Protein backbone atom coordinates (compact mmCIF):
# COMPACT_ATOMS: atom_id res chain seq x y z
CA MET A 1 0.00 0.00 0.00
CA THR A 2 1.43 3.36 -0.98
CA TRP A 3 1.36 6.44 1.25
CA GLN A 4 -1.27 7.97 -1.05
CA GLN A 5 -3.58 4.99 -0.29
CA HIS A 6 -3.05 5.10 3.50
CA PRO A 7 -5.76 7.32 5.09
CA GLN A 8 -3.97 7.77 8.45
CA ARG A 9 -0.80 8.96 6.75
CA ARG A 10 -2.79 11.28 4.54
CA ARG A 11 -4.51 12.80 7.59
CA SER A 12 -1.17 13.26 9.45
CA LEU A 13 0.42 14.90 6.43
CA LEU A 14 -2.53 17.26 6.05
CA ALA A 15 -2.39 18.26 9.72
CA CYS A 16 1.37 18.96 9.52
CA SER A 17 0.90 21.03 6.41
CA LEU A 18 -1.84 23.12 7.98
CA CYS A 19 0.18 23.70 11.15
CA LEU A 20 3.19 24.78 9.13
CA ALA A 21 1.04 27.19 7.15
CA ALA A 22 -0.42 28.66 10.34
CA TRP A 23 3.10 29.10 11.82
CA LEU A 24 4.38 30.86 8.72
CA LEU A 25 1.32 33.11 8.40
CA PRO A 26 2.70 36.18 10.30
CA ALA A 27 5.52 36.36 7.79
CA ALA A 28 2.96 37.09 5.11
CA LEU A 29 1.91 40.39 6.69
CA PRO A 30 5.02 42.41 5.77
CA ALA A 31 3.61 42.50 2.26
CA GLN A 32 2.05 45.72 3.50
CA ASP A 33 5.50 47.31 3.11
CA GLU A 34 5.56 46.92 -0.64
CA THR A 35 7.71 49.69 -1.99
CA THR A 36 5.39 51.56 -4.27
CA GLU A 37 5.42 55.18 -5.26
CA GLU A 38 2.33 55.80 -3.15
CA ASP A 39 3.91 54.12 -0.09
CA THR A 40 7.07 56.17 -0.51
CA ALA A 41 5.08 59.39 -0.68
CA TRP A 42 2.99 58.94 2.44
CA LYS A 43 5.88 57.56 4.49
CA ALA A 44 8.00 60.55 3.51
CA GLU A 45 5.15 62.79 4.63
CA ARG A 46 4.94 60.89 7.92
CA ASP A 47 8.69 61.36 8.48
CA LYS A 48 8.20 65.11 8.14
CA LEU A 49 5.35 65.03 10.66
CA THR A 50 7.54 62.98 13.02
CA ALA A 51 10.22 65.68 12.80
CA VAL A 52 7.58 68.26 13.69
CA ILE A 53 6.56 66.12 16.68
CA ASP A 54 10.20 65.80 17.81
CA GLN A 55 10.63 69.57 17.70
CA ARG A 56 7.44 70.24 19.64
CA VAL A 57 8.36 67.65 22.26
CA LYS A 58 11.79 69.26 22.67
CA GLU A 59 10.20 72.68 23.09
CA GLU A 60 7.84 71.27 25.72
CA VAL A 61 10.71 69.62 27.61
CA ASP A 62 12.83 72.79 27.49
CA LYS A 63 9.90 74.81 28.79
CA THR A 64 9.12 72.35 31.59
CA VAL A 65 12.60 71.26 32.74
CA LYS A 66 14.85 74.25 33.46
CA PRO A 67 18.28 73.50 35.01
CA GLN A 68 18.17 76.58 37.22
CA ASP A 69 14.81 75.58 38.70
CA VAL A 70 16.03 72.02 39.23
CA ALA A 71 19.19 73.31 40.96
CA THR A 72 17.07 75.43 43.29
CA LYS A 73 14.92 72.44 44.23
CA LEU A 74 18.08 70.45 44.95
CA GLY A 75 19.40 73.22 47.19
CA MET A 76 22.27 74.12 44.86
CA LYS A 77 23.57 77.63 44.28
CA TRP A 78 23.25 78.71 40.65
CA PRO A 79 25.25 78.49 38.47
CA VAL A 80 26.58 74.99 39.11
CA PRO A 81 30.13 74.71 37.73
CA LYS A 82 32.25 71.60 37.42
CA PRO A 83 34.58 71.12 40.47
CA LYS A 84 38.16 72.32 39.97
CA GLN A 85 39.57 69.56 42.16
CA THR A 86 38.89 65.85 42.37
CA LYS A 87 37.55 64.34 45.58
CA GLU A 88 40.92 62.65 46.17
CA GLN A 89 42.78 65.94 45.86
CA ILE A 90 40.42 67.62 48.33
CA GLU A 91 40.85 64.76 50.81
CA ALA A 92 44.65 65.01 50.52
CA ASP A 93 44.49 68.77 51.23
CA VAL A 94 42.31 68.19 54.29
CA ASN A 95 44.68 65.52 55.61
CA ARG A 96 47.63 67.90 55.28
CA GLN A 97 45.75 70.55 57.23
CA ILE A 98 44.91 68.05 59.96
CA ASP A 99 48.52 66.87 60.16
CA GLU A 100 49.68 70.45 60.68
CA LEU A 101 47.13 71.02 63.44
CA THR A 102 48.04 67.72 65.07
CA ALA A 103 51.73 68.61 65.15
CA LYS A 104 50.91 71.84 67.00
CA GLN A 105 48.39 70.30 69.36
CA PHE A 106 50.35 67.10 70.08
CA PRO A 107 54.10 67.78 69.63
CA GLU A 108 56.49 64.82 69.51
CA SER A 109 58.54 66.47 72.24
CA ARG A 110 55.80 65.51 74.67
CA ARG A 111 56.93 61.89 74.34
CA LYS A 112 60.31 62.77 75.84
CA ALA A 113 58.50 63.87 78.98
CA PHE A 114 57.11 60.35 79.39
CA GLU A 115 60.65 59.03 79.85
CA LYS A 116 61.39 61.60 82.54
CA GLU A 117 58.13 60.82 84.29
CA ALA A 118 58.89 57.09 84.22
CA ALA A 119 62.39 57.62 85.65
CA GLU A 120 60.99 59.77 88.46
CA LYS A 121 58.05 57.49 89.21
CA TYR A 122 60.21 54.35 89.50
CA LYS A 123 63.37 55.89 90.94
CA ILE A 124 65.36 53.41 93.02
CA PHE A 125 65.44 54.08 96.80
CA GLN A 126 68.86 54.62 98.22
CA THR A 127 70.09 53.50 101.59
CA GLY A 128 69.06 56.08 104.16
CA ASP A 129 65.94 57.23 102.24
CA GLU A 130 62.64 57.47 104.07
CA VAL A 131 60.27 54.93 102.50
CA SER A 132 56.58 54.05 102.81
CA PHE A 133 54.76 51.12 101.19
CA ASN A 134 52.28 48.32 101.84
CA ILE A 135 52.97 44.61 102.19
CA ARG A 136 50.64 41.61 101.78
CA GLY A 137 48.31 43.73 99.67
CA GLY A 138 47.68 46.07 102.57
CA MET A 139 45.85 43.37 104.55
CA GLY A 140 46.49 42.30 108.12
CA PRO A 141 48.42 43.89 110.99
CA ASN A 142 51.55 45.89 110.27
CA ALA A 143 50.70 45.98 106.53
CA ILE A 144 51.98 49.55 106.24
CA VAL A 145 55.71 49.91 106.37
CA ARG A 146 57.25 53.27 107.16
CA GLY A 147 60.81 54.10 108.07
CA ARG A 148 64.36 54.51 106.89
CA LEU A 149 65.83 52.06 104.38
CA LEU A 150 68.86 50.53 106.05
CA ASP A 151 69.70 47.58 103.87
CA ARG A 152 68.69 45.76 100.66
CA THR A 153 69.58 42.32 99.33
CA ALA A 154 68.26 40.28 96.43
CA GLN A 155 65.69 38.58 98.73
CA ARG A 156 64.74 41.23 101.29
CA VAL A 157 64.98 44.79 102.55
CA LYS A 158 65.48 46.22 106.05
CA VAL A 159 63.40 49.26 106.98
CA SER A 160 64.26 50.60 110.43
CA SER A 161 64.21 47.44 112.55
CA ARG A 162 61.98 45.33 110.24
CA PHE A 163 63.04 42.82 107.64
CA ILE A 164 60.55 42.40 104.73
CA LEU A 165 60.78 39.57 102.25
CA ARG A 166 60.71 40.51 98.59
CA GLU A 167 57.69 38.28 97.85
CA ASP A 168 55.63 40.19 100.44
CA ILE A 169 56.15 43.47 98.55
CA ALA A 170 53.84 44.38 95.64
CA GLU A 171 55.62 44.22 92.28
CA GLU A 172 55.15 47.92 91.54
CA ASP A 173 56.71 48.77 94.93
CA GLN A 174 59.55 46.35 94.15
CA ALA A 175 60.36 48.67 91.23
CA ARG A 176 61.63 51.19 93.82
CA PHE A 177 64.03 48.72 95.36
CA TRP A 178 65.37 46.50 92.57
CA GLU A 179 66.77 47.74 89.25
CA ASP A 180 65.46 44.91 87.01
CA VAL A 181 61.87 45.51 88.14
CA SER A 182 62.31 49.28 87.92
CA GLU A 183 63.51 49.02 84.29
CA GLU A 184 60.50 46.92 83.30
CA TYR A 185 58.04 49.32 84.94
CA ARG A 186 59.67 52.37 83.36
CA LYS A 187 59.28 50.79 79.91
CA ARG A 188 55.70 49.81 80.66
CA TYR A 189 54.84 53.32 81.82
CA ILE A 190 56.35 54.90 78.67
CA ARG A 191 54.50 52.38 76.46
CA VAL A 192 51.15 53.08 78.15
CA GLN A 193 51.62 56.85 77.99
CA ASN A 194 52.51 56.72 74.28
CA ALA A 195 49.48 54.54 73.55
CA GLN A 196 47.22 56.98 75.36
CA TYR A 197 48.87 59.85 73.52
CA ASP A 198 48.30 58.12 70.17
CA GLY A 199 44.66 57.57 71.10
CA LYS A 200 44.21 61.26 71.81
CA ILE A 201 45.83 62.10 68.48
CA ARG A 202 43.50 59.74 66.59
CA ALA A 203 40.45 61.12 68.34
CA PHE A 204 41.55 64.66 67.54
CA GLN A 205 42.21 63.82 63.88
CA ASP A 206 38.88 61.98 63.51
CA ALA A 207 37.00 64.94 64.94
CA GLN A 208 38.85 67.33 62.62
CA ARG A 209 38.22 65.11 59.59
CA GLN A 210 34.54 64.76 60.45
CA THR A 211 34.20 68.53 60.38
CA ARG A 212 36.66 69.55 57.71
CA LEU A 213 36.27 66.96 54.93
CA PRO A 214 32.48 67.33 54.34
CA ALA A 215 32.83 71.12 54.52
CA ALA A 216 35.69 71.10 52.00
CA LEU A 217 33.78 68.84 49.60
CA ARG A 218 30.68 71.04 49.78
CA ALA A 219 32.81 74.16 49.23
CA ALA A 220 34.25 72.52 46.09
CA ARG A 221 30.68 71.93 44.81
CA TYR A 222 30.24 68.27 45.71
CA ALA A 223 27.03 66.86 47.19
CA ALA A 224 26.58 63.83 49.44
CA VAL A 225 23.88 61.22 49.04
CA PRO A 226 20.75 62.46 50.86
CA ASN A 227 20.89 60.04 53.79
CA LYS A 228 24.65 60.55 54.44
CA PRO A 229 25.25 64.32 54.54
CA LYS A 230 28.42 63.98 56.68
CA SER A 231 29.87 60.82 55.15
CA LEU A 232 33.66 60.51 55.11
CA LYS A 233 33.53 58.01 52.23
CA LEU A 234 34.37 59.67 48.93
CA SER A 235 32.09 57.17 47.15
CA ASP A 236 29.12 58.90 48.85
CA TRP A 237 29.93 62.26 47.25
CA PHE A 238 29.15 63.43 43.71
CA ALA A 239 29.87 66.62 41.80
CA GLU A 240 26.85 68.93 41.98
CA ALA A 241 27.08 69.42 38.21
CA ASP A 242 26.74 65.64 37.70
CA VAL A 243 23.84 65.43 40.15
CA LEU A 244 22.07 68.30 38.40
CA ASP A 245 22.67 66.71 34.99
CA PHE A 246 21.28 63.38 36.23
CA PHE A 247 18.06 64.92 37.54
CA CYS A 248 17.60 67.12 34.49
CA LYS A 249 17.86 64.10 32.19
CA LYS A 250 15.54 62.09 34.41
CA LEU A 251 12.88 64.83 34.47
CA ALA A 252 13.32 65.45 30.73
CA LYS A 253 12.74 61.76 29.97
CA GLU A 254 9.64 61.68 32.15
CA CYS A 255 8.32 64.83 30.46
CA GLU A 256 8.99 63.41 26.99
CA GLU A 257 7.29 60.10 27.79
CA ARG A 258 4.30 62.03 29.11
CA GLU A 259 4.01 64.59 26.29
CA ARG A 260 5.03 62.67 23.16
CA PRO A 261 1.85 60.54 22.85
CA ARG A 262 -0.32 63.64 23.32
CA ILE A 263 1.59 65.76 20.78
CA ALA A 264 1.84 62.89 18.29
CA GLU A 265 -1.92 62.35 18.43
CA GLN A 266 -2.55 66.05 17.88
CA VAL A 267 -0.20 66.29 14.88
CA PHE A 268 -1.20 63.06 13.17
CA THR A 269 -4.96 63.35 13.65
CA SER A 270 -4.94 66.95 12.44
CA ASN A 271 -3.27 65.68 9.25
CA GLY A 272 -5.78 62.87 8.64
CA TYR A 273 -3.80 59.98 10.11
CA GLU A 274 -5.17 57.07 12.12
CA MET A 275 -3.53 54.72 14.58
CA VAL A 276 -3.49 51.18 13.18
CA GLU A 277 -2.81 48.15 15.35
CA ASP A 278 -1.17 45.06 13.88
CA THR A 279 -2.48 42.27 16.11
CA ILE A 280 -0.32 39.65 14.37
CA ASN A 281 3.02 41.36 14.93
CA ASN A 282 1.79 43.25 18.03
CA THR A 283 2.74 46.70 16.73
CA LYS A 284 1.02 50.06 16.27
CA GLU A 285 1.55 52.59 13.50
CA TRP A 286 0.16 55.90 12.33
CA MET A 287 -1.15 55.82 8.73
CA PRO A 288 -3.23 58.04 6.43
CA LYS A 289 -6.87 57.01 6.40
CA LYS A 290 -6.67 55.36 2.96
CA GLN A 291 -3.70 53.19 3.91
CA ALA A 292 -5.28 52.43 7.28
CA VAL A 293 -8.45 51.07 5.67
CA SER A 294 -6.42 48.95 3.24
CA PHE A 295 -4.17 47.67 6.00
CA ARG A 296 -7.07 46.66 8.26
CA ALA A 297 -8.76 44.82 5.39
CA ARG A 298 -5.57 42.95 4.55
CA LEU A 299 -5.01 42.16 8.23
CA GLN A 300 -8.55 40.81 8.64
CA GLU A 301 -8.12 38.65 5.56
CA LEU A 302 -4.98 37.11 6.98
CA LEU A 303 -6.61 36.58 10.37
CA ASP A 304 -9.61 34.84 8.77
CA LYS A 305 -7.34 32.62 6.72
CA LYS A 306 -5.27 31.78 9.77
CA LYS A 307 -8.41 30.88 11.73
CA GLN A 308 -9.69 28.61 8.94
CA GLU A 309 -6.39 26.79 8.66
CA GLU A 310 -6.14 26.37 12.43
CA GLU A 311 -9.66 24.89 12.53
CA ALA A 312 -8.84 22.55 9.64
CA ALA A 313 -5.64 21.46 11.36
CA LYS A 314 -7.55 20.87 14.60
CA ALA A 315 -10.20 18.79 12.80
CA ALA A 316 -7.56 16.70 11.03
CA LYS A 317 -5.77 16.09 14.31
CA ALA A 318 -9.01 15.03 16.02
CA ALA A 319 -9.95 12.42 13.29
CA PRO A 320 -9.88 8.77 14.63
CA ALA A 321 -6.77 6.82 13.71
CA ASP A 322 -6.76 3.26 12.18
CA PRO A 323 -5.03 1.18 14.92
CA TRP A 324 -3.97 -1.53 12.43
CA GLY A 325 -2.68 0.77 9.75
CA ALA A 326 -4.80 -0.97 7.07
CA GLU A 327 -7.80 0.11 5.03
CA PRO A 328 -11.21 -1.40 5.86
CA ALA A 329 -12.53 -4.09 3.52
CA MET A 330 -14.34 -2.46 0.59
CA GLY A 331 -15.62 -5.67 -1.18
CA PRO A 332 -14.74 -9.27 -2.04
CA GLY A 333 -11.09 -10.17 -2.11
CA PRO A 334 -9.27 -11.17 -5.25
CA GLY A 335 -10.75 -14.34 -6.89
CA MET A 336 -14.03 -14.19 -4.99
CA GLU A 337 -17.38 -14.18 -6.73
CA PRO A 338 -19.79 -11.39 -5.95
CA GLY A 339 -21.82 -12.02 -2.83
CA MET A 340 -19.17 -14.25 -1.23
CA ASP A 341 -16.89 -13.38 1.62
CA PRO A 342 -14.82 -15.39 4.07
CA ALA A 343 -17.45 -15.10 6.80
CA GLY A 344 -20.19 -16.56 4.56
CA ALA A 345 -18.22 -19.28 2.72
CA MET A 346 -19.84 -22.16 4.68
CA PRO A 347 -23.60 -22.96 4.31
CA PRO A 348 -25.74 -22.96 7.49
CA ALA A 349 -26.49 -26.26 9.31
CA PRO A 350 -29.84 -27.88 8.15
CA GLY A 351 -32.78 -27.59 10.53
CA PRO A 352 -35.76 -29.99 11.02
CA GLU A 353 -38.15 -30.49 8.16
CA PRO A 354 -41.50 -28.80 8.45
CA GLY A 355 -43.96 -30.79 10.56
CA MET A 356 -41.32 -33.00 12.18
CA PRO A 357 -40.45 -32.88 15.92
CA PRO A 358 -37.00 -31.62 16.81
CA PRO A 359 -34.30 -34.26 17.41
CA PRO A 360 -33.82 -35.39 21.02
CA ALA A 361 -31.26 -33.50 23.06
CA ALA A 362 -27.97 -35.25 23.80
CA PRO A 363 -27.98 -37.01 27.20
CA ASN A 364 -26.49 -35.14 30.11
CA PRO A 365 -23.78 -37.29 31.69
CA PHE A 366 -24.17 -35.43 35.01
CA ASP A 367 -27.96 -36.15 35.23
CA ASN A 368 -28.38 -38.67 38.14
CA ASN A 369 -31.90 -39.61 37.02
CA GLN A 370 -30.61 -41.59 34.11
């Protein structure tokens, strides 16, 4: 059996053909863009009207969005020039100013005084000096020792008539009796005083930077992001001219998007144009009335054709399929006489003659009455 004789194959082929035609249908619509003299004329006219629309939109934007007004709303002093220095240059200038102030407020010579203070604070007692200190952490009887230092060894000291073991004396008090402990405490004191001095310097510089850097950036015509007016991060600051330009472009775009449809409708409708919607390609276009009528008619024709082909494809797809892939019997097979078929090849069994009783039934072997 050839494919032309097979009904299921013919139905499948028809369905595929119809689906392919429906899929390719939108490509047929661009025929509307046939380059004819008439098309060229009206499209050239439309280009001129579009130029008129562009000019009117620009005039509307220029009238609505004025840089000076925008600058005033942003709190900027007009005019708004470009900064003469970069943010990095301004920061470097501020840091130099702070360094100069720091040098005056916290001179390095002050650190020399820490050494003198340490030497005085942990000066070693000499024999014969009057001394006073606590032992055992100041707890218990006779915890306060007062008197004249009479002797000192590596393990103990003698004050007046008392001998005091070294381990009973607090370590900081030991620094007044033994040189090794005194040296360690002098170094510790100098280290602590320098650290405190450095902390005061950092606090002073931070306070100066917090005040000076934002002020310097504003003076150079930079603006901070709205929620960080005193930020010390340069990334939070922008040139006022750039901020103004950003907002002017933003407002101009909003104005254009708002006014262009209105102005376009006024210009086109006053010149006899209509808005035509292409529902196949999902586009809209302004056309003269004559071309609009022709376009809509052509579009409707294509839509009707597409609908018919989709319905035909759907019907072909819904047709019942032959599960065996063979055609139904249409008549006697080859070599058969008319009126004969395989089901009727054998004659029926003869019945009883008229007037005769029917033959007895065959005995039932399971009948117990026999």
